[in-house]
Amino acid sequence: MSTEGFESSELLQKWSELKVLIESLENDIIKNVRGNKSAGVRARKGLRLLKNNASEIVKVSLSTDKES
């Protein structure tokens, strides 16, 4: 049984999660630009999470490429 389909679906799932995170960060970034300091804290926290999620996508992608 090949795990390629599983890896691809995992990659697509992580990509979808990343897009949702980016969309949710947009409001906090806009609020921060307008002077809301709490939104800036939330935005920075979200950006750290974004960085971690992006590195997970890279790891899944590399493992998929190695198996192919």
PDB file of N, CA and C in Angstrom:
ATOM      1  N   MET A   1       0.842  -1.181   0.000  1.00  0.00           N
ATOM      2  CA  MET A   1       0.000   0.000   0.000  1.00  0.00           C
ATOM      3  C   MET A   1       0.879   1.234   0.000  1.00  0.00           C
ATOM      4  N   SER A   2       0.645   2.135  -0.913  1.00  0.00           N
ATOM      5  CA  SER A   2       1.424   3.355  -1.034  1.00  0.00           C
ATOM      6  C   SER A   2       0.908   4.409  -0.069  1.00  0.00           C
ATOM      7  N   THR A   3       1.831   5.166   0.516  1.00  0.00           N
ATOM      8  CA  THR A   3       1.442   6.252   1.413  1.00  0.00           C
ATOM      9  C   THR A   3       1.429   7.592   0.687  1.00  0.00           C
ATOM     10  N   GLU A   4       1.643   7.554  -0.633  1.00  0.00           N
ATOM     11  CA  GLU A   4       1.715   8.795  -1.395  1.00  0.00           C
ATOM     12  C   GLU A   4       0.410   9.577  -1.315  1.00  0.00           C
ATOM     13  N   GLY A   5      -0.722   8.907  -1.414  1.00  0.00           N
ATOM     14  CA  GLY A   5      -2.011   9.578  -1.316  1.00  0.00           C
ATOM     15  C   GLY A   5      -2.219  10.191   0.055  1.00  0.00           C
ATOM     16  N   PHE A   6      -1.768   9.488   1.083  1.00  0.00           N
ATOM     17  CA  PHE A   6      -1.876  10.004   2.453  1.00  0.00           C
ATOM     18  C   PHE A   6      -1.026  11.250   2.613  1.00  0.00           C
ATOM     19  N   GLU A   7       0.202  11.208   2.110  1.00  0.00           N
ATOM     20  CA  GLU A   7       1.105  12.349   2.223  1.00  0.00           C
ATOM     21  C   GLU A   7       0.538  13.550   1.474  1.00  0.00           C
ATOM     22  N   SER A   8      -0.025  13.307   0.287  1.00  0.00           N
ATOM     23  CA  SER A   8      -0.587  14.401  -0.504  1.00  0.00           C
ATOM     24  C   SER A   8      -1.782  15.017   0.217  1.00  0.00           C
ATOM     25  N   SER A   9      -2.645  14.173   0.778  1.00  0.00           N
ATOM     26  CA  SER A   9      -3.801  14.715   1.483  1.00  0.00           C
ATOM     27  C   SER A   9      -3.352  15.452   2.743  1.00  0.00           C
ATOM     28  N   GLU A  10      -2.309  14.970   3.395  1.00  0.00           N
ATOM     29  CA  GLU A  10      -1.776  15.663   4.573  1.00  0.00           C
ATOM     30  C   GLU A  10      -1.210  17.016   4.167  1.00  0.00           C
ATOM     31  N   LEU A  11      -0.526  17.048   3.042  1.00  0.00           N
ATOM     32  CA  LEU A  11       0.043  18.295   2.538  1.00  0.00           C
ATOM     33  C   LEU A  11      -1.071  19.284   2.205  1.00  0.00           C
ATOM     34  N   LEU A  12      -2.112  18.817   1.538  1.00  0.00           N
ATOM     35  CA  LEU A  12      -3.231  19.692   1.190  1.00  0.00           C
ATOM     36  C   LEU A  12      -3.970  20.183   2.437  1.00  0.00           C
ATOM     37  N   GLN A  13      -4.088  19.314   3.433  1.00  0.00           N
ATOM     38  CA  GLN A  13      -4.751  19.705   4.676  1.00  0.00           C
ATOM     39  C   GLN A  13      -3.945  20.789   5.382  1.00  0.00           C
ATOM     40  N   LYS A  14      -2.638  20.620   5.462  1.00  0.00           N
ATOM     41  CA  LYS A  14      -1.788  21.622   6.105  1.00  0.00           C
ATOM     42  C   LYS A  14      -1.812  22.934   5.320  1.00  0.00           C
ATOM     43  N   TRP A  15      -1.874  22.848   3.999  1.00  0.00           N
ATOM     44  CA  TRP A  15      -1.951  24.054   3.180  1.00  0.00           C
ATOM     45  C   TRP A  15      -3.260  24.793   3.454  1.00  0.00           C
ATOM     46  N   SER A  16      -4.357  24.062   3.565  1.00  0.00           N
ATOM     47  CA  SER A  16      -5.652  24.678   3.873  1.00  0.00           C
ATOM     48  C   SER A  16      -5.620  25.356   5.237  1.00  0.00           C
ATOM     49  N   GLU A  17      -5.022  24.705   6.217  1.00  0.00           N
ATOM     50  CA  GLU A  17      -4.900  25.293   7.544  1.00  0.00           C
ATOM     51  C   GLU A  17      -4.086  26.584   7.499  1.00  0.00           C
ATOM     52  N   LEU A  18      -3.029  26.583   6.694  1.00  0.00           N
ATOM     53  CA  LEU A  18      -2.184  27.758   6.564  1.00  0.00           C
ATOM     54  C   LEU A  18      -2.960  28.924   5.949  1.00  0.00           C
ATOM     55  N   LYS A  19      -3.768  28.642   4.938  1.00  0.00           N
ATOM     56  CA  LYS A  19      -4.563  29.696   4.299  1.00  0.00           C
ATOM     57  C   LYS A  19      -5.570  30.292   5.275  1.00  0.00           C
ATOM     58  N   VAL A  20      -6.203  29.443   6.082  1.00  0.00           N
ATOM     59  CA  VAL A  20      -7.165  29.926   7.081  1.00  0.00           C
ATOM     60  C   VAL A  20      -6.457  30.813   8.103  1.00  0.00           C
ATOM     61  N   LEU A  21      -5.268  30.405   8.510  1.00  0.00           N
ATOM     62  CA  LEU A  21      -4.500  31.188   9.469  1.00  0.00           C
ATOM     63  C   LEU A  21      -4.150  32.562   8.897  1.00  0.00           C
ATOM     64  N   ILE A  22      -3.751  32.598   7.648  1.00  0.00           N
ATOM     65  CA  ILE A  22      -3.409  33.880   7.000  1.00  0.00           C
ATOM     66  C   ILE A  22      -4.635  34.784   6.949  1.00  0.00           C
ATOM     67  N   GLU A  23      -5.780  34.213   6.597  1.00  0.00           N
ATOM     68  CA  GLU A  23      -7.010  35.003   6.538  1.00  0.00           C
ATOM     69  C   GLU A  23      -7.366  35.568   7.914  1.00  0.00           C
ATOM     70  N   SER A  24      -7.178  34.775   8.951  1.00  0.00           N
ATOM     71  CA  SER A  24      -7.517  35.242  10.291  1.00  0.00           C
ATOM     72  C   SER A  24      -6.531  36.302  10.783  1.00  0.00           C
ATOM     73  N   LEU A  25      -5.302  36.242  10.318  1.00  0.00           N
ATOM     74  CA  LEU A  25      -4.305  37.239  10.710  1.00  0.00           C
ATOM     75  C   LEU A  25      -4.574  38.601  10.081  1.00  0.00           C
ATOM     76  N   GLU A  26      -5.220  38.610   8.950  1.00  0.00           N
ATOM     77  CA  GLU A  26      -5.422  39.860   8.219  1.00  0.00           C
ATOM     78  C   GLU A  26      -6.140  40.907   9.065  1.00  0.00           C
ATOM     79  N   ASN A  27      -7.192  40.504   9.773  1.00  0.00           N
ATOM     80  CA  ASN A  27      -7.938  41.452  10.592  1.00  0.00           C
ATOM     81  C   ASN A  27      -7.067  42.047  11.694  1.00  0.00           C
ATOM     82  N   ASP A  28      -6.277  41.202  12.352  1.00  0.00           N
ATOM     83  CA  ASP A  28      -5.427  41.698  13.428  1.00  0.00           C
ATOM     84  C   ASP A  28      -4.331  42.619  12.903  1.00  0.00           C
ATOM     85  N   ILE A  29      -3.802  42.326  11.735  1.00  0.00           N
ATOM     86  CA  ILE A  29      -2.775  43.192  11.140  1.00  0.00           C
ATOM     87  C   ILE A  29      -3.379  44.569  10.836  1.00  0.00           C
ATOM     88  N   ILE A  30      -4.564  44.575  10.251  1.00  0.00           N
ATOM     89  CA  ILE A  30      -5.226  45.844   9.918  1.00  0.00           C
ATOM     90  C   ILE A  30      -5.522  46.638  11.191  1.00  0.00           C
ATOM     91  N   LYS A  31      -6.027  45.954  12.213  1.00  0.00           N
ATOM     92  CA  LYS A  31      -6.320  46.634  13.473  1.00  0.00           C
ATOM     93  C   LYS A  31      -5.037  47.194  14.098  1.00  0.00           C
ATOM     94  N   ASN A  32      -3.952  46.438  13.989  1.00  0.00           N
ATOM     95  CA  ASN A  32      -2.682  46.904  14.543  1.00  0.00           C
ATOM     96  C   ASN A  32      -2.181  48.151  13.824  1.00  0.00           C
ATOM     97  N   VAL A  33      -2.330  48.182  12.528  1.00  0.00           N
ATOM     98  CA  VAL A  33      -1.919  49.355  11.756  1.00  0.00           C
ATOM     99  C   VAL A  33      -2.707  50.584  12.206  1.00  0.00           C
ATOM    100  N   ARG A  34      -3.948  50.375  12.590  1.00  0.00           N
ATOM    101  CA  ARG A  34      -4.814  51.481  13.031  1.00  0.00           C
ATOM    102  C   ARG A  34      -4.563  51.866  14.491  1.00  0.00           C
ATOM    103  N   GLY A  35      -3.611  51.178  15.157  1.00  0.00           N
ATOM    104  CA  GLY A  35      -3.235  51.578  16.502  1.00  0.00           C
ATOM    105  C   GLY A  35      -3.662  50.650  17.620  1.00  0.00           C
ATOM    106  N   ASN A  36      -4.293  49.535  17.326  1.00  0.00           N
ATOM    107  CA  ASN A  36      -4.725  48.592  18.352  1.00  0.00           C
ATOM    108  C   ASN A  36      -3.544  47.706  18.744  1.00  0.00           C
ATOM    109  N   LYS A  37      -2.993  47.963  19.942  1.00  0.00           N
ATOM    110  CA  LYS A  37      -1.798  47.229  20.374  1.00  0.00           C
ATOM    111  C   LYS A  37      -2.091  45.761  20.681  1.00  0.00           C
ATOM    112  N   SER A  38      -3.270  45.457  21.188  1.00  0.00           N
ATOM    113  CA  SER A  38      -3.637  44.066  21.474  1.00  0.00           C
ATOM    114  C   SER A  38      -3.685  43.246  20.190  1.00  0.00           C
ATOM    115  N   ALA A  39      -4.158  43.873  19.128  1.00  0.00           N
ATOM    116  CA  ALA A  39      -4.193  43.189  17.838  1.00  0.00           C
ATOM    117  C   ALA A  39      -2.772  42.908  17.355  1.00  0.00           C
ATOM    118  N   GLY A  40      -1.841  43.786  17.674  1.00  0.00           N
ATOM    119  CA  GLY A  40      -0.441  43.558  17.313  1.00  0.00           C
ATOM    120  C   GLY A  40       0.125  42.347  18.019  1.00  0.00           C
ATOM    121  N   VAL A  41      -0.236  42.172  19.297  1.00  0.00           N
ATOM    122  CA  VAL A  41       0.221  40.998  20.055  1.00  0.00           C
ATOM    123  C   VAL A  41      -0.348  39.731  19.418  1.00  0.00           C
ATOM    124  N   ARG A  42      -1.641  39.767  19.101  1.00  0.00           N
ATOM    125  CA  ARG A  42      -2.274  38.598  18.459  1.00  0.00           C
ATOM    126  C   ARG A  42      -1.649  38.321  17.097  1.00  0.00           C
ATOM    127  N   ALA A  43      -1.349  39.377  16.347  1.00  0.00           N
ATOM    128  CA  ALA A  43      -0.759  39.214  15.019  1.00  0.00           C
ATOM    129  C   ALA A  43       0.623  38.576  15.119  1.00  0.00           C
ATOM    130  N   ARG A  44       1.426  39.040  16.063  1.00  0.00           N
ATOM    131  CA  ARG A  44       2.780  38.461  16.209  1.00  0.00           C
ATOM    132  C   ARG A  44       2.714  37.004  16.631  1.00  0.00           C
ATOM    133  N   LYS A  45       1.786  36.693  17.534  1.00  0.00           N
ATOM    134  CA  LYS A  45       1.604  35.299  17.949  1.00  0.00           C
ATOM    135  C   LYS A  45       1.179  34.448  16.752  1.00  0.00           C
ATOM    136  N   GLY A  46       0.250  34.984  15.962  1.00  0.00           N
ATOM    137  CA  GLY A  46      -0.211  34.271  14.775  1.00  0.00           C
ATOM    138  C   GLY A  46       0.884  34.092  13.740  1.00  0.00           C
ATOM    139  N   LEU A  47       1.747  35.093  13.609  1.00  0.00           N
ATOM    140  CA  LEU A  47       2.853  34.988  12.650  1.00  0.00           C
ATOM    141  C   LEU A  47       3.857  33.919  13.071  1.00  0.00           C
ATOM    142  N   ARG A  48       4.080  33.793  14.386  1.00  0.00           N
ATOM    143  CA  ARG A  48       4.957  32.707  14.853  1.00  0.00           C
ATOM    144  C   ARG A  48       4.341  31.352  14.534  1.00  0.00           C
ATOM    145  N   LEU A  49       3.029  31.248  14.727  1.00  0.00           N
ATOM    146  CA  LEU A  49       2.320  30.009  14.391  1.00  0.00           C
ATOM    147  C   LEU A  49       2.382  29.744  12.891  1.00  0.00           C
ATOM    148  N   LEU A  50       2.252  30.799  12.109  1.00  0.00           N
ATOM    149  CA  LEU A  50       2.353  30.694  10.651  1.00  0.00           C
ATOM    150  C   LEU A  50       3.717  30.144  10.240  1.00  0.00           C
ATOM    151  N   LYS A  51       4.750  30.651  10.870  1.00  0.00           N
ATOM    152  CA  LYS A  51       6.113  30.187  10.581  1.00  0.00           C
ATOM    153  C   LYS A  51       6.254  28.692  10.884  1.00  0.00           C
ATOM    154  N   ASN A  52       5.732  28.271  12.025  1.00  0.00           N
ATOM    155  CA  ASN A  52       5.811  26.854  12.398  1.00  0.00           C
ATOM    156  C   ASN A  52       5.012  25.977  11.436  1.00  0.00           C
ATOM    157  N   ASN A  53       3.820  26.437  11.065  1.00  0.00           N
ATOM    158  CA  ASN A  53       2.997  25.669  10.126  1.00  0.00           C
ATOM    159  C   ASN A  53       3.663  25.578   8.754  1.00  0.00           C
ATOM    160  N   ALA A  54       4.295  26.665   8.326  1.00  0.00           N
ATOM    161  CA  ALA A  54       4.986  26.648   7.034  1.00  0.00           C
ATOM    162  C   ALA A  54       6.133  25.649   7.050  1.00  0.00           C
ATOM    163  N   SER A  55       6.856  25.577   8.160  1.00  0.00           N
ATOM    164  CA  SER A  55       7.962  24.613   8.219  1.00  0.00           C
ATOM    165  C   SER A  55       7.435  23.180   8.221  1.00  0.00           C
ATOM    166  N   GLU A  56       6.260  22.958   8.813  1.00  0.00           N
ATOM    167  CA  GLU A  56       5.652  21.627   8.759  1.00  0.00           C
ATOM    168  C   GLU A  56       5.286  21.252   7.327  1.00  0.00           C
ATOM    169  N   ILE A  57       4.793  22.214   6.568  1.00  0.00           N
ATOM    170  CA  ILE A  57       4.458  21.964   5.161  1.00  0.00           C
ATOM    171  C   ILE A  57       5.716  21.580   4.392  1.00  0.00           C
ATOM    172  N   VAL A  58       6.809  22.263   4.654  1.00  0.00           N
ATOM    173  CA  VAL A  58       8.075  21.943   3.987  1.00  0.00           C
ATOM    174  C   VAL A  58       8.496  20.517   4.321  1.00  0.00           C
ATOM    175  N   LYS A  59       8.386  20.127   5.589  1.00  0.00           N
ATOM    176  CA  LYS A  59       8.773  18.770   6.002  1.00  0.00           C
ATOM    177  C   LYS A  59       7.922  17.713   5.302  1.00  0.00           C
ATOM    178  N   VAL A  60       6.613  17.942   5.248  1.00  0.00           N
ATOM    179  CA  VAL A  60       5.714  16.979   4.593  1.00  0.00           C
ATOM    180  C   VAL A  60       6.028  16.911   3.104  1.00  0.00           C
ATOM    181  N   SER A  61       6.266  18.054   2.501  1.00  0.00           N
ATOM    182  CA  SER A  61       6.579  18.095   1.072  1.00  0.00           C
ATOM    183  C   SER A  61       7.877  17.341   0.771  1.00  0.00           C
ATOM    184  N   LEU A  62       8.881  17.558   1.600  1.00  0.00           N
ATOM    185  CA  LEU A  62      10.160  16.856   1.394  1.00  0.00           C
ATOM    186  C   LEU A  62      10.003  15.355   1.561  1.00  0.00           C
ATOM    187  N   SER A  63       9.234  14.937   2.561  1.00  0.00           N
ATOM    188  CA  SER A  63       9.050  13.493   2.744  1.00  0.00           C
ATOM    189  C   SER A  63       8.264  12.889   1.582  1.00  0.00           C
ATOM    190  N   THR A  64       7.319  13.644   1.038  1.00  0.00           N
ATOM    191  CA  THR A  64       6.576  13.177  -0.128  1.00  0.00           C
ATOM    192  C   THR A  64       7.493  13.025  -1.327  1.00  0.00           C
ATOM    193  N   ASP A  65       8.380  14.006  -1.528  1.00  0.00           N
ATOM    194  CA  ASP A  65       9.313  13.953  -2.656  1.00  0.00           C
ATOM    195  C   ASP A  65      10.295  12.793  -2.519  1.00  0.00           C
ATOM    196  N   LYS A  66      10.733  12.521  -1.302  1.00  0.00           N
ATOM    197  CA  LYS A  66      11.674  11.421  -1.089  1.00  0.00           C
ATOM    198  C   LYS A  66      11.051  10.062  -1.382  1.00  0.00           C
ATOM    199  N   GLU A  67       9.757   9.937  -1.101  1.00  0.00           N
ATOM    200  CA  GLU A  67       9.066   8.669  -1.322  1.00  0.00           C
ATOM    201  C   GLU A  67       8.738   8.430  -2.787  1.00  0.00           C
ATOM    202  N   SER A  68       8.703   9.501  -3.566  1.00  0.00           N
ATOM    203  CA  SER A  68       8.322   9.371  -4.984  1.00  0.00           C
ATOM    204  C   SER A  68       9.445   8.806  -5.809  1.00  0.00           C
TER     205      SER A  68
END
